[in-house]
N, C-alpha and C. Protein backbone atom coordinates (compact mmCIF):
# COMPACT_ATOMS: atom_id res chain seq x y z
N UNK A 1 -91.95 15.96 -6.56
CA UNK A 1 -91.89 16.28 -5.18
C UNK A 1 -93.27 16.58 -4.62
N UNK A 2 -94.09 16.90 -5.47
CA UNK A 2 -95.44 17.21 -5.04
C UNK A 2 -96.10 15.97 -4.47
N UNK A 3 -95.84 14.85 -5.05
CA UNK A 3 -96.43 13.61 -4.58
C UNK A 3 -96.00 13.31 -3.16
N UNK A 4 -94.85 13.63 -2.88
CA UNK A 4 -94.35 13.32 -1.55
C UNK A 4 -95.07 14.15 -0.50
N UNK A 5 -95.30 15.38 -0.86
CA UNK A 5 -95.99 16.24 0.09
C UNK A 5 -97.42 15.77 0.28
N UNK A 6 -97.95 15.32 -0.81
CA UNK A 6 -99.33 14.86 -0.74
C UNK A 6 -99.38 13.61 0.11
N UNK A 7 -98.45 12.77 -0.08
CA UNK A 7 -98.41 11.55 0.68
C UNK A 7 -98.25 11.84 2.15
N UNK A 8 -97.35 12.76 2.44
CA UNK A 8 -97.15 13.08 3.83
C UNK A 8 -98.36 13.78 4.42
N UNK A 9 -99.03 14.58 3.61
CA UNK A 9 -100.18 15.32 4.12
C UNK A 9 -101.47 14.54 3.95
N UNK A 10 -101.43 13.51 3.12
CA UNK A 10 -102.64 12.78 2.81
C UNK A 10 -103.12 11.88 3.93
N UNK A 11 -104.29 11.26 3.64
CA UNK A 11 -104.87 10.41 4.66
C UNK A 11 -104.29 9.01 4.53
N UNK A 12 -104.71 8.13 5.35
CA UNK A 12 -104.11 6.81 5.41
C UNK A 12 -104.90 5.80 4.58
N UNK A 13 -105.22 6.11 3.38
CA UNK A 13 -106.00 5.24 2.54
C UNK A 13 -105.08 4.20 1.92
N UNK A 14 -105.35 2.86 2.07
CA UNK A 14 -104.47 1.86 1.53
C UNK A 14 -104.48 1.80 0.02
N UNK A 15 -105.51 2.21 -0.61
CA UNK A 15 -105.55 2.19 -2.07
C UNK A 15 -104.59 3.22 -2.62
N UNK A 16 -104.51 4.26 -1.91
CA UNK A 16 -103.59 5.31 -2.36
C UNK A 16 -102.16 4.76 -2.35
N UNK A 17 -101.88 3.84 -1.51
CA UNK A 17 -100.54 3.26 -1.43
C UNK A 17 -100.25 2.41 -2.65
N UNK A 18 -101.11 1.79 -3.20
CA UNK A 18 -100.88 0.98 -4.37
C UNK A 18 -100.75 1.83 -5.61
N UNK A 19 -101.42 2.91 -5.65
CA UNK A 19 -101.28 3.80 -6.79
C UNK A 19 -99.94 4.53 -6.73
N UNK A 20 -99.60 4.94 -5.63
CA UNK A 20 -98.31 5.62 -5.45
C UNK A 20 -97.35 4.63 -4.77
N UNK A 21 -96.37 4.13 -5.52
CA UNK A 21 -95.44 3.15 -4.93
C UNK A 21 -94.49 3.81 -3.92
N UNK A 22 -93.69 2.97 -3.34
CA UNK A 22 -92.71 3.41 -2.33
C UNK A 22 -91.68 4.31 -3.01
N UNK A 23 -91.45 5.48 -2.46
CA UNK A 23 -90.50 6.39 -3.11
C UNK A 23 -89.07 5.91 -3.05
N UNK A 24 -88.80 4.98 -2.20
CA UNK A 24 -87.43 4.48 -2.10
C UNK A 24 -87.14 3.41 -3.14
N UNK A 25 -88.11 2.80 -3.69
CA UNK A 25 -87.92 1.78 -4.72
C UNK A 25 -88.18 2.39 -6.08
N UNK A 26 -87.23 2.17 -7.05
CA UNK A 26 -87.44 2.71 -8.38
C UNK A 26 -88.50 1.89 -9.11
N UNK A 27 -88.93 2.45 -10.21
CA UNK A 27 -89.93 1.77 -11.02
C UNK A 27 -89.29 0.62 -11.76
N UNK A 28 -90.05 -0.33 -12.18
CA UNK A 28 -89.55 -1.52 -12.84
C UNK A 28 -88.84 -1.22 -14.14
N UNK A 29 -89.41 -0.31 -14.95
CA UNK A 29 -88.75 0.03 -16.23
C UNK A 29 -87.39 0.67 -15.97
N UNK A 30 -87.24 1.45 -14.85
CA UNK A 30 -85.92 2.03 -14.53
C UNK A 30 -84.91 0.94 -14.18
N UNK A 31 -85.38 -0.06 -13.49
CA UNK A 31 -84.48 -1.16 -13.12
C UNK A 31 -84.02 -1.91 -14.37
N UNK A 32 -84.89 -2.16 -15.30
CA UNK A 32 -84.56 -2.90 -16.51
C UNK A 32 -83.56 -2.09 -17.34
N UNK A 33 -83.86 -0.83 -17.63
CA UNK A 33 -82.95 -0.02 -18.45
C UNK A 33 -81.60 0.22 -17.73
N UNK A 34 -81.65 0.37 -16.44
CA UNK A 34 -80.38 0.54 -15.69
C UNK A 34 -79.55 -0.73 -15.77
N UNK A 35 -80.20 -1.90 -15.69
CA UNK A 35 -79.49 -3.17 -15.78
C UNK A 35 -78.92 -3.35 -17.17
N UNK A 36 -79.64 -3.00 -18.22
CA UNK A 36 -79.14 -3.12 -19.59
C UNK A 36 -77.94 -2.20 -19.79
N UNK A 37 -78.05 -0.97 -19.32
CA UNK A 37 -76.91 -0.03 -19.44
C UNK A 37 -75.71 -0.55 -18.66
N UNK A 38 -75.96 -1.09 -17.49
CA UNK A 38 -74.86 -1.61 -16.68
C UNK A 38 -74.17 -2.77 -17.39
N UNK A 39 -74.94 -3.67 -17.98
CA UNK A 39 -74.37 -4.82 -18.68
C UNK A 39 -73.57 -4.35 -19.89
N UNK A 40 -74.07 -3.37 -20.64
CA UNK A 40 -73.34 -2.85 -21.81
C UNK A 40 -72.03 -2.21 -21.36
N UNK A 41 -72.10 -1.40 -20.33
CA UNK A 41 -70.86 -0.74 -19.83
C UNK A 41 -69.90 -1.78 -19.29
N UNK A 42 -70.45 -2.80 -18.60
CA UNK A 42 -69.59 -3.84 -18.05
C UNK A 42 -68.90 -4.63 -19.15
N UNK A 43 -69.61 -4.96 -20.22
CA UNK A 43 -69.03 -5.70 -21.34
C UNK A 43 -67.97 -4.85 -22.03
N UNK A 44 -68.30 -3.57 -22.28
CA UNK A 44 -67.29 -2.70 -22.90
C UNK A 44 -66.06 -2.56 -22.00
N UNK A 45 -66.28 -2.40 -20.73
CA UNK A 45 -65.16 -2.30 -19.79
C UNK A 45 -64.35 -3.58 -19.80
N UNK A 46 -65.06 -4.74 -19.80
CA UNK A 46 -64.40 -6.04 -19.78
C UNK A 46 -63.62 -6.29 -21.06
N UNK A 47 -64.13 -5.88 -22.22
CA UNK A 47 -63.48 -6.14 -23.50
C UNK A 47 -62.36 -5.15 -23.81
N UNK A 48 -62.54 -3.88 -23.48
CA UNK A 48 -61.58 -2.88 -23.94
C UNK A 48 -60.74 -2.26 -22.82
N UNK A 49 -61.35 -1.87 -21.77
CA UNK A 49 -60.62 -1.13 -20.73
C UNK A 49 -59.78 -2.06 -19.88
N UNK A 50 -60.37 -3.15 -19.42
CA UNK A 50 -59.65 -4.05 -18.51
C UNK A 50 -58.41 -4.67 -19.16
N UNK A 51 -58.47 -5.17 -20.42
CA UNK A 51 -57.23 -5.70 -21.02
C UNK A 51 -56.14 -4.64 -21.14
N UNK A 52 -56.52 -3.42 -21.52
CA UNK A 52 -55.52 -2.35 -21.62
C UNK A 52 -54.95 -2.04 -20.24
N UNK A 53 -55.81 -1.99 -19.27
CA UNK A 53 -55.37 -1.72 -17.90
C UNK A 53 -54.42 -2.82 -17.42
N UNK A 54 -54.81 -4.10 -17.72
CA UNK A 54 -53.94 -5.23 -17.32
C UNK A 54 -52.60 -5.16 -18.05
N UNK A 55 -52.62 -4.81 -19.32
CA UNK A 55 -51.37 -4.71 -20.08
C UNK A 55 -50.47 -3.62 -19.51
N UNK A 56 -51.06 -2.46 -19.21
CA UNK A 56 -50.28 -1.36 -18.63
C UNK A 56 -49.71 -1.77 -17.28
N UNK A 57 -50.52 -2.42 -16.45
CA UNK A 57 -50.03 -2.89 -15.15
C UNK A 57 -48.92 -3.92 -15.31
N UNK A 58 -49.07 -4.83 -16.30
CA UNK A 58 -48.03 -5.84 -16.53
C UNK A 58 -46.74 -5.18 -16.99
N UNK A 59 -46.85 -4.19 -17.88
CA UNK A 59 -45.65 -3.48 -18.34
C UNK A 59 -44.97 -2.77 -17.17
N UNK A 60 -45.77 -2.12 -16.36
CA UNK A 60 -45.19 -1.42 -15.20
C UNK A 60 -44.53 -2.42 -14.25
N UNK A 61 -45.19 -3.55 -14.04
CA UNK A 61 -44.64 -4.57 -13.16
C UNK A 61 -43.32 -5.08 -13.72
N UNK A 62 -43.28 -5.32 -15.05
CA UNK A 62 -42.03 -5.77 -15.68
C UNK A 62 -40.94 -4.71 -15.55
N UNK A 63 -41.31 -3.45 -15.74
CA UNK A 63 -40.32 -2.37 -15.60
C UNK A 63 -39.79 -2.31 -14.17
N UNK A 64 -40.69 -2.42 -13.22
CA UNK A 64 -40.26 -2.35 -11.82
C UNK A 64 -39.40 -3.56 -11.48
N UNK A 65 -39.85 -4.76 -11.88
CA UNK A 65 -39.06 -5.96 -11.62
C UNK A 65 -37.73 -5.91 -12.35
N UNK A 66 -37.74 -5.43 -13.58
CA UNK A 66 -36.48 -5.28 -14.33
C UNK A 66 -35.56 -4.29 -13.65
N UNK A 67 -36.16 -3.20 -13.17
CA UNK A 67 -35.35 -2.20 -12.45
C UNK A 67 -34.77 -2.78 -11.18
N UNK A 68 -35.58 -3.56 -10.48
CA UNK A 68 -35.09 -4.19 -9.25
C UNK A 68 -33.99 -5.18 -9.58
N UNK A 69 -34.19 -5.97 -10.64
CA UNK A 69 -33.15 -6.93 -11.04
C UNK A 69 -31.88 -6.23 -11.48
N UNK A 70 -32.05 -5.13 -12.24
CA UNK A 70 -30.86 -4.38 -12.65
C UNK A 70 -30.16 -3.79 -11.44
N UNK A 71 -30.94 -3.29 -10.48
CA UNK A 71 -30.34 -2.73 -9.27
C UNK A 71 -29.62 -3.82 -8.47
N UNK A 72 -30.23 -5.00 -8.37
CA UNK A 72 -29.58 -6.10 -7.67
C UNK A 72 -28.31 -6.53 -8.40
N UNK A 73 -28.39 -6.59 -9.74
CA UNK A 73 -27.20 -6.96 -10.52
C UNK A 73 -26.11 -5.92 -10.35
N UNK A 74 -26.50 -4.65 -10.37
CA UNK A 74 -25.51 -3.58 -10.18
C UNK A 74 -24.92 -3.66 -8.78
N UNK A 75 -25.77 -3.98 -7.81
CA UNK A 75 -25.28 -4.10 -6.44
C UNK A 75 -24.31 -5.27 -6.32
N UNK A 76 -24.62 -6.39 -6.96
CA UNK A 76 -23.72 -7.54 -6.96
C UNK A 76 -22.41 -7.19 -7.65
N UNK A 77 -22.50 -6.49 -8.79
CA UNK A 77 -21.28 -6.07 -9.48
C UNK A 77 -20.45 -5.14 -8.61
N UNK A 78 -21.13 -4.22 -7.93
CA UNK A 78 -20.41 -3.30 -7.05
C UNK A 78 -19.75 -4.05 -5.90
N UNK A 79 -20.47 -5.04 -5.37
CA UNK A 79 -19.91 -5.84 -4.28
C UNK A 79 -18.71 -6.63 -4.77
N UNK A 80 -18.83 -7.21 -5.97
CA UNK A 80 -17.71 -7.97 -6.55
C UNK A 80 -16.52 -7.04 -6.81
N UNK A 81 -16.82 -5.85 -7.33
CA UNK A 81 -15.73 -4.88 -7.59
C UNK A 81 -15.08 -4.45 -6.28
N UNK A 82 -15.88 -4.27 -5.23
CA UNK A 82 -15.32 -3.90 -3.93
C UNK A 82 -14.44 -5.01 -3.38
N UNK A 83 -14.90 -6.26 -3.50
CA UNK A 83 -14.09 -7.39 -3.04
C UNK A 83 -12.80 -7.48 -3.85
N UNK A 84 -12.91 -7.29 -5.15
CA UNK A 84 -11.72 -7.33 -6.01
C UNK A 84 -10.77 -6.20 -5.62
N UNK A 85 -11.31 -5.01 -5.40
CA UNK A 85 -10.49 -3.87 -4.99
C UNK A 85 -9.81 -4.15 -3.65
N UNK A 86 -10.57 -4.70 -2.70
CA UNK A 86 -9.98 -5.00 -1.39
C UNK A 86 -8.90 -6.06 -1.50
N UNK A 87 -9.11 -7.07 -2.35
CA UNK A 87 -8.07 -8.10 -2.51
C UNK A 87 -6.83 -7.52 -3.19
N UNK A 88 -7.05 -6.66 -4.21
CA UNK A 88 -5.91 -6.02 -4.86
C UNK A 88 -5.18 -5.11 -3.88
N UNK A 89 -5.93 -4.41 -3.05
CA UNK A 89 -5.31 -3.53 -2.05
C UNK A 89 -4.50 -4.34 -1.05
N UNK A 90 -5.04 -5.48 -0.63
CA UNK A 90 -4.30 -6.36 0.29
C UNK A 90 -3.04 -6.89 -0.38
N UNK A 91 -3.16 -7.29 -1.66
CA UNK A 91 -1.98 -7.76 -2.39
C UNK A 91 -0.95 -6.64 -2.52
N UNK A 92 -1.41 -5.44 -2.82
CA UNK A 92 -0.49 -4.31 -2.96
C UNK A 92 0.20 -4.02 -1.64
N UNK A 93 -0.55 -4.09 -0.55
CA UNK A 93 0.07 -3.87 0.77
C UNK A 93 1.09 -4.95 1.07
N UNK A 94 0.75 -6.19 0.76
CA UNK A 94 1.68 -7.29 0.99
C UNK A 94 2.93 -7.09 0.13
N UNK A 95 2.73 -6.73 -1.12
CA UNK A 95 3.86 -6.50 -2.02
C UNK A 95 4.71 -5.33 -1.55
N UNK A 96 4.05 -4.25 -1.10
CA UNK A 96 4.80 -3.09 -0.60
C UNK A 96 5.60 -3.47 0.64
N UNK A 97 5.00 -4.26 1.51
CA UNK A 97 5.70 -4.71 2.71
C UNK A 97 6.90 -5.57 2.34
N UNK A 98 6.71 -6.44 1.36
CA UNK A 98 7.81 -7.30 0.90
C UNK A 98 8.92 -6.45 0.27
N UNK A 99 8.53 -5.46 -0.52
CA UNK A 99 9.53 -4.57 -1.15
C UNK A 99 10.29 -3.82 -0.09
N UNK A 100 9.57 -3.30 0.94
CA UNK A 100 10.25 -2.60 2.04
C UNK A 100 11.22 -3.51 2.75
N UNK A 101 10.77 -4.76 3.04
CA UNK A 101 11.66 -5.71 3.73
C UNK A 101 12.87 -6.03 2.87
N UNK A 102 12.64 -6.22 1.56
CA UNK A 102 13.77 -6.48 0.65
C UNK A 102 14.73 -5.30 0.60
N UNK A 103 14.16 -4.09 0.56
CA UNK A 103 15.00 -2.89 0.52
C UNK A 103 15.81 -2.75 1.81
N UNK A 104 15.17 -3.04 2.95
CA UNK A 104 15.90 -2.98 4.23
C UNK A 104 17.03 -4.00 4.23
N UNK A 105 16.71 -5.23 3.79
CA UNK A 105 17.73 -6.28 3.77
C UNK A 105 18.87 -5.90 2.82
N UNK A 106 18.49 -5.35 1.66
CA UNK A 106 19.52 -4.94 0.70
C UNK A 106 20.34 -3.78 1.27
N UNK A 107 19.68 -2.84 1.94
CA UNK A 107 20.39 -1.72 2.56
C UNK A 107 21.36 -2.21 3.64
N UNK A 108 20.89 -3.16 4.46
CA UNK A 108 21.78 -3.71 5.49
C UNK A 108 22.95 -4.46 4.85
N UNK A 109 22.66 -5.14 3.75
CA UNK A 109 23.72 -5.85 3.04
C UNK A 109 24.74 -4.86 2.49
N UNK A 110 24.24 -3.76 1.90
CA UNK A 110 25.14 -2.73 1.35
C UNK A 110 25.96 -2.11 2.47
N UNK A 111 25.31 -1.83 3.61
CA UNK A 111 26.03 -1.25 4.76
C UNK A 111 27.09 -2.22 5.26
N UNK A 112 26.73 -3.51 5.34
CA UNK A 112 27.70 -4.51 5.80
C UNK A 112 28.88 -4.59 4.83
N UNK A 113 28.58 -4.57 3.52
CA UNK A 113 29.66 -4.60 2.53
C UNK A 113 30.53 -3.36 2.63
N UNK A 114 29.90 -2.20 2.83
CA UNK A 114 30.66 -0.95 2.95
C UNK A 114 31.53 -0.99 4.21
N UNK A 115 30.97 -1.52 5.31
CA UNK A 115 31.76 -1.63 6.54
C UNK A 115 32.93 -2.59 6.34
N UNK A 116 32.67 -3.70 5.66
CA UNK A 116 33.74 -4.67 5.40
C UNK A 116 34.83 -4.04 4.53
N UNK A 117 34.39 -3.31 3.49
CA UNK A 117 35.37 -2.64 2.62
C UNK A 117 36.14 -1.59 3.39
N UNK A 118 35.43 -0.83 4.23
CA UNK A 118 36.10 0.22 5.01
C UNK A 118 37.10 -0.39 5.98
N UNK A 119 36.71 -1.49 6.64
CA UNK A 119 37.65 -2.15 7.55
C UNK A 119 38.86 -2.69 6.79
N UNK A 120 38.60 -3.27 5.62
CA UNK A 120 39.71 -3.78 4.82
C UNK A 120 40.62 -2.63 4.38
N UNK A 121 39.99 -1.49 4.00
CA UNK A 121 40.78 -0.33 3.60
C UNK A 121 41.60 0.21 4.77
N UNK A 122 40.98 0.23 5.96
CA UNK A 122 41.70 0.71 7.15
C UNK A 122 42.87 -0.22 7.45
N UNK A 123 42.61 -1.52 7.38
CA UNK A 123 43.70 -2.48 7.65
C UNK A 123 44.81 -2.34 6.62
N UNK A 124 44.40 -2.17 5.35
CA UNK A 124 45.41 -2.03 4.30
C UNK A 124 46.23 -0.77 4.52
N UNK A 125 45.50 0.35 4.82
CA UNK A 125 46.24 1.60 5.05
C UNK A 125 47.12 1.50 6.29
N UNK A 126 46.61 0.80 7.33
CA UNK A 126 47.43 0.62 8.54
C UNK A 126 48.67 -0.21 8.21
N UNK A 127 48.49 -1.26 7.40
CA UNK A 127 49.63 -2.10 7.01
C UNK A 127 50.60 -1.28 6.16
N UNK A 128 50.04 -0.48 5.22
CA UNK A 128 50.91 0.38 4.41
C UNK A 128 51.65 1.38 5.29
N UNK A 129 50.94 1.93 6.27
CA UNK A 129 51.56 2.89 7.18
C UNK A 129 52.67 2.24 8.00
N UNK A 130 52.39 0.99 8.46
CA UNK A 130 53.42 0.27 9.22
C UNK A 130 54.64 -0.02 8.35
N UNK A 131 54.34 -0.42 7.08
CA UNK A 131 55.46 -0.68 6.16
C UNK A 131 56.25 0.60 5.94
N UNK A 132 55.53 1.71 5.72
CA UNK A 132 56.23 2.98 5.50
C UNK A 132 57.01 3.37 6.75
N UNK A 133 56.38 3.15 7.93
CA UNK A 133 57.05 3.49 9.19
C UNK A 133 58.30 2.62 9.39
N UNK A 134 58.14 1.32 9.07
CA UNK A 134 59.31 0.43 9.19
C UNK A 134 60.39 0.83 8.19
N UNK A 135 59.97 1.21 6.97
CA UNK A 135 60.96 1.62 5.97
C UNK A 135 61.65 2.89 6.42
N UNK A 136 60.86 3.84 7.00
CA UNK A 136 61.47 5.08 7.49
C UNK A 136 62.38 4.78 8.68
N UNK A 137 61.91 3.86 9.56
CA UNK A 137 62.75 3.50 10.72
C UNK A 137 64.06 2.88 10.26
N UNK A 138 63.93 1.97 9.27
CA UNK A 138 65.15 1.35 8.75
C UNK A 138 66.08 2.40 8.12
N UNK A 139 65.45 3.36 7.40
CA UNK A 139 66.26 4.42 6.78
C UNK A 139 66.92 5.28 7.86
N UNK A 140 66.15 5.60 8.90
CA UNK A 140 66.70 6.42 9.99
C UNK A 140 67.81 5.65 10.71
N UNK A 141 67.55 4.36 10.98
CA UNK A 141 68.57 3.54 11.65
C UNK A 141 69.81 3.46 10.77
N UNK A 142 69.61 3.28 9.46
CA UNK A 142 70.75 3.19 8.54
C UNK A 142 71.53 4.51 8.54
N UNK A 143 70.76 5.64 8.49
CA UNK A 143 71.44 6.94 8.52
C UNK A 143 72.16 7.14 9.85
N UNK A 144 71.51 6.75 10.92
CA UNK A 144 72.13 6.90 12.24
C UNK A 144 73.38 6.04 12.35
N UNK A 145 73.33 4.86 11.79
CA UNK A 145 74.51 3.98 11.83
C UNK A 145 75.68 4.62 11.07
N UNK A 146 75.28 5.16 9.91
CA UNK A 146 76.35 5.81 9.13
C UNK A 146 76.93 6.98 9.92
N UNK A 147 76.01 7.80 10.45
CA UNK A 147 76.48 8.97 11.20
C UNK A 147 77.24 8.55 12.46
N UNK A 148 76.68 7.56 13.15
CA UNK A 148 77.33 7.08 14.37
C UNK A 148 78.67 6.43 14.04
N UNK A 149 78.69 5.69 12.91
CA UNK A 149 79.95 5.07 12.48
C UNK A 149 81.00 6.13 12.14
N UNK A 150 80.56 7.16 11.40
CA UNK A 150 81.50 8.22 11.04
C UNK A 150 81.97 8.95 12.28
N UNK A 151 81.04 9.19 13.22
CA UNK A 151 81.40 9.88 14.45
C UNK A 151 82.33 9.02 15.28
N UNK A 152 82.08 7.72 15.32
CA UNK A 152 82.95 6.85 16.12
C UNK A 152 84.34 6.74 15.48
N UNK A 153 84.40 6.75 14.15
CA UNK A 153 85.71 6.72 13.49
C UNK A 153 86.47 8.01 13.78
N UNK A 154 85.75 9.13 13.72
CA UNK A 154 86.40 10.41 14.04
C UNK A 154 86.89 10.40 15.48
N UNK A 155 86.06 9.87 16.37
CA UNK A 155 86.45 9.82 17.78
C UNK A 155 87.63 8.87 17.96
N UNK A 156 87.59 7.70 17.25
CA UNK A 156 88.69 6.76 17.36
C UNK A 156 89.96 7.33 16.77
N UNK A 157 89.85 8.07 15.69
CA UNK A 157 91.02 8.70 15.09
C UNK A 157 91.61 9.71 16.05
N UNK A 158 90.73 10.41 16.72
CA UNK A 158 91.23 11.41 17.67
C UNK A 158 91.87 10.72 18.87
N UNK A 159 91.28 9.59 19.29
CA UNK A 159 91.84 8.90 20.44
C UNK A 159 93.14 8.18 20.06
N UNK A 160 93.15 7.55 18.95
CA UNK A 160 94.33 6.81 18.54
C UNK A 160 95.38 7.72 17.90
N UNK A 161 94.95 8.73 17.37
CA UNK A 161 95.86 9.66 16.75
C UNK A 161 96.32 9.20 15.40
N UNK A 162 95.73 8.29 14.83
CA UNK A 162 96.11 7.87 13.49
C UNK A 162 94.92 7.92 12.56
N UNK A 163 95.21 7.87 11.31
CA UNK A 163 94.17 8.02 10.30
C UNK A 163 93.65 6.64 9.92
N UNK A 164 92.36 6.48 9.99
CA UNK A 164 91.72 5.21 9.62
C UNK A 164 91.05 5.41 8.26
N UNK A 165 91.80 5.71 7.28
CA UNK A 165 91.24 6.05 5.97
C UNK A 165 90.95 4.82 5.13
N UNK A 166 91.49 3.73 5.52
CA UNK A 166 91.25 2.53 4.75
C UNK A 166 89.77 2.15 4.87
N UNK A 167 89.11 1.99 3.74
CA UNK A 167 87.65 1.80 3.77
C UNK A 167 87.28 0.41 4.31
N UNK A 168 88.02 -0.63 4.00
CA UNK A 168 87.70 -1.96 4.53
C UNK A 168 87.95 -1.99 6.02
N UNK A 169 88.95 -1.37 6.44
CA UNK A 169 89.26 -1.31 7.85
C UNK A 169 88.20 -0.48 8.56
N UNK A 170 87.85 0.57 7.87
CA UNK A 170 86.86 1.48 8.42
C UNK A 170 85.51 0.77 8.57
N UNK A 171 85.05 0.06 7.51
CA UNK A 171 83.75 -0.61 7.56
C UNK A 171 83.77 -1.75 8.56
N UNK A 172 84.86 -2.46 8.70
CA UNK A 172 84.96 -3.55 9.68
C UNK A 172 84.87 -2.99 11.10
N UNK A 173 85.54 -1.87 11.36
CA UNK A 173 85.51 -1.25 12.68
C UNK A 173 84.11 -0.76 13.00
N UNK A 174 83.47 -0.15 11.99
CA UNK A 174 82.10 0.38 12.19
C UNK A 174 81.15 -0.77 12.47
N UNK A 175 81.24 -1.84 11.72
CA UNK A 175 80.33 -2.98 11.90
C UNK A 175 80.52 -3.62 13.26
N UNK A 176 81.75 -3.78 13.69
CA UNK A 176 81.98 -4.39 15.00
C UNK A 176 81.47 -3.46 16.11
N UNK A 177 81.63 -2.18 15.94
CA UNK A 177 81.14 -1.21 16.94
C UNK A 177 79.62 -1.23 17.02
N UNK A 178 79.02 -1.27 15.85
CA UNK A 178 77.54 -1.26 15.82
C UNK A 178 76.99 -2.58 16.36
N UNK A 179 77.65 -3.67 16.09
CA UNK A 179 77.22 -4.96 16.63
C UNK A 179 77.32 -4.92 18.15
N UNK A 180 78.34 -4.30 18.65
CA UNK A 180 78.49 -4.14 20.10
C UNK A 180 77.37 -3.28 20.66
N UNK A 181 76.99 -2.25 19.93
CA UNK A 181 75.88 -1.38 20.37
C UNK A 181 74.56 -2.14 20.37
N UNK A 182 74.37 -2.96 19.35
CA UNK A 182 73.12 -3.73 19.27
C UNK A 182 73.00 -4.69 20.45
N UNK A 183 74.13 -5.34 20.79
CA UNK A 183 74.10 -6.28 21.90
C UNK A 183 73.90 -5.54 23.22
N UNK A 184 74.42 -4.36 23.35
CA UNK A 184 74.23 -3.57 24.56
C UNK A 184 72.78 -3.07 24.64
N UNK A 185 72.24 -2.64 23.48
CA UNK A 185 70.85 -2.13 23.43
C UNK A 185 69.84 -3.22 23.69
N UNK A 186 70.10 -4.46 23.30
CA UNK A 186 69.12 -5.53 23.48
C UNK A 186 69.30 -6.21 24.82
N UNK A 187 70.28 -5.86 25.59
CA UNK A 187 70.47 -6.36 26.94
C UNK A 187 71.24 -7.65 26.98
N UNK A 188 72.09 -7.96 26.03
CA UNK A 188 72.84 -9.22 26.03
C UNK A 188 74.14 -9.04 26.73
């Protein structure tokens, strides 16, 4: 640093400039040794550091690309699974709708069969009731005929004053009387 002060404080002698070189330019021996050190460091860097660095970068790149590919594959699988799930869900909905429609149709069929059976049962019971009613009517008419026949014989015996105990005579008189009643009742 002393030289610099001297230079700044010194006179303007040109010879002094040749003895003291420019402070901004290094000496020639410094340039040579710096260049040799630089070349040695560059060769070592080129031979050992750079290949390792390139290998590490390549491995990282492969890991990243592999991760991206795995993520894309997983995304494709997820998309395929979602599509499969949606198609299965649509099939299940269609199947459920078909089952509901079949159940409704079967229920309506069962209801129709039950209504048909109930109507048949009602008709059968009505027919049985009519038969029973006709049988009871016939029984009542038969009983009434007997009672009416006996009453008419009693009345005829009282009017005629004789005994109509003969059963054939009695039944013939009753039948003719009842036939007369039937013709009167039917409007003949």
